[in-house]
Amino acid sequence: MMKKALRSSVLTGLLLAPLTTWACDAAGPSTHIGTVQSVDAANKTFTIVDAQSRGPITFVANNEIITGLKDAKGSIMVNYEEDDDGKALKAVGITF
């Protein structure tokens, strides 16, 4: 009886967990989903709080993307590529 109750609790928890928990994996390769934490136009970078890991991720971006982020509210999806030396993530597109 105890095993059945535990199994039921685990399954219920999985079904009720926010879908954003698996958001980045489900979005595909080279994609992160999160909320904008900060934008640094001078350095052409922005940081999101990743929906899956709940940690900050910083991207470099062109002026068009940086300007577009000034109106960002809620979740955004960032498509990115790694720079040549693998030290920075370059945003190549965002979706609100």
Protein backbone atom coordinates (compact mmCIF):
# COMPACT_ATOMS: atom_id res chain seq x y z
CA MET A 1 0.00 0.00 0.00
CA MET A 2 2.86 2.38 0.86
CA LYS A 3 4.54 1.77 -2.52
CA LYS A 4 1.30 2.51 -4.36
CA ALA A 5 0.83 5.79 -2.47
CA LEU A 6 4.43 6.82 -3.11
CA ARG A 7 4.17 5.98 -6.81
CA SER A 8 0.93 7.93 -7.04
CA SER A 9 2.53 10.95 -5.33
CA VAL A 10 5.53 10.89 -7.65
CA LEU A 11 3.37 10.62 -10.77
CA THR A 12 1.10 13.42 -9.57
CA GLY A 13 4.13 15.62 -8.86
CA LEU A 14 5.53 14.99 -12.34
CA LEU A 15 2.22 15.83 -13.97
CA LEU A 16 1.82 19.02 -11.97
CA ALA A 17 5.43 20.21 -12.34
CA PRO A 18 5.82 23.33 -14.45
CA LEU A 19 6.46 22.49 -18.08
CA THR A 20 9.32 25.00 -18.17
CA THR A 21 11.36 22.53 -16.13
CA TRP A 22 12.10 20.69 -19.35
CA ALA A 23 11.78 23.75 -21.60
CA CYS A 24 15.38 24.04 -22.83
CA ASP A 25 15.81 20.35 -23.61
CA ALA A 26 12.47 20.29 -25.41
CA ALA A 27 13.31 23.43 -27.41
CA GLY A 28 16.17 21.69 -29.17
CA PRO A 29 19.91 22.13 -29.55
CA SER A 30 21.55 25.53 -29.13
CA THR A 31 18.43 26.96 -27.53
CA HIS A 32 17.72 28.31 -24.07
CA ILE A 33 14.43 29.56 -22.63
CA GLY A 34 14.26 31.95 -19.72
CA THR A 35 13.45 35.42 -18.48
CA VAL A 36 15.63 38.45 -19.09
CA GLN A 37 17.56 39.38 -15.98
CA SER A 38 19.71 42.19 -17.37
CA VAL A 39 20.77 43.91 -20.58
CA ASP A 40 24.15 45.66 -20.95
CA ALA A 41 23.92 47.62 -24.19
CA ALA A 42 27.44 49.08 -23.80
CA ASN A 43 29.01 45.61 -23.76
CA LYS A 44 26.39 44.09 -26.09
CA THR A 45 25.46 41.35 -23.62
CA PHE A 46 22.33 40.16 -21.88
CA THR A 47 21.64 37.62 -19.18
CA ILE A 48 18.63 35.36 -18.77
CA VAL A 49 17.58 33.17 -15.86
CA ASP A 50 17.38 29.78 -17.53
CA ALA A 51 14.02 28.03 -17.10
CA GLN A 52 15.57 24.58 -16.82
CA SER A 53 18.65 25.13 -14.66
CA ARG A 54 17.29 28.27 -12.94
CA GLY A 55 20.79 29.73 -13.25
CA PRO A 56 21.99 32.81 -15.13
CA ILE A 57 23.27 32.50 -18.69
CA THR A 58 24.95 35.43 -20.44
CA PHE A 59 24.96 35.92 -24.21
CA VAL A 60 26.71 38.37 -26.50
CA ALA A 61 24.45 39.88 -29.14
CA ASN A 62 24.29 42.36 -31.99
CA ASN A 63 22.62 45.78 -31.66
CA GLU A 64 19.35 44.58 -33.20
CA ILE A 65 18.88 41.87 -30.56
CA ILE A 66 19.96 44.16 -27.69
CA THR A 67 17.48 46.84 -28.85
CA GLY A 68 14.70 44.25 -29.17
CA LEU A 69 15.22 43.13 -25.58
CA LYS A 70 14.22 46.51 -24.12
CA ASP A 71 10.56 45.47 -24.43
CA ALA A 72 11.02 41.86 -23.33
CA LYS A 73 8.51 40.64 -20.78
CA GLY A 74 8.04 37.08 -19.61
CA SER A 75 9.85 34.16 -21.21
CA ILE A 76 12.05 34.42 -24.25
CA MET A 77 13.68 31.75 -26.37
CA VAL A 78 17.30 32.37 -27.36
CA ASN A 79 18.91 30.60 -30.29
CA TYR A 80 22.68 30.77 -29.97
CA GLU A 81 25.99 29.50 -31.23
CA GLU A 82 29.31 29.17 -29.43
CA ASP A 83 32.08 31.51 -30.52
CA ASP A 84 35.21 30.07 -32.13
CA ASP A 85 37.04 29.49 -28.86
CA GLY A 86 33.95 28.12 -27.05
CA LYS A 87 34.12 30.75 -24.30
CA ALA A 88 31.04 32.80 -25.15
CA LEU A 89 27.50 32.15 -26.33
CA LYS A 90 26.44 34.39 -29.22
CA ALA A 91 22.70 35.00 -29.54
CA VAL A 92 21.67 34.62 -33.17
CA GLY A 93 17.94 35.03 -32.62
CA ILE A 94 15.33 35.61 -29.93
CA THR A 95 11.64 34.84 -29.80
CA PHE A 96 9.19 36.39 -27.34
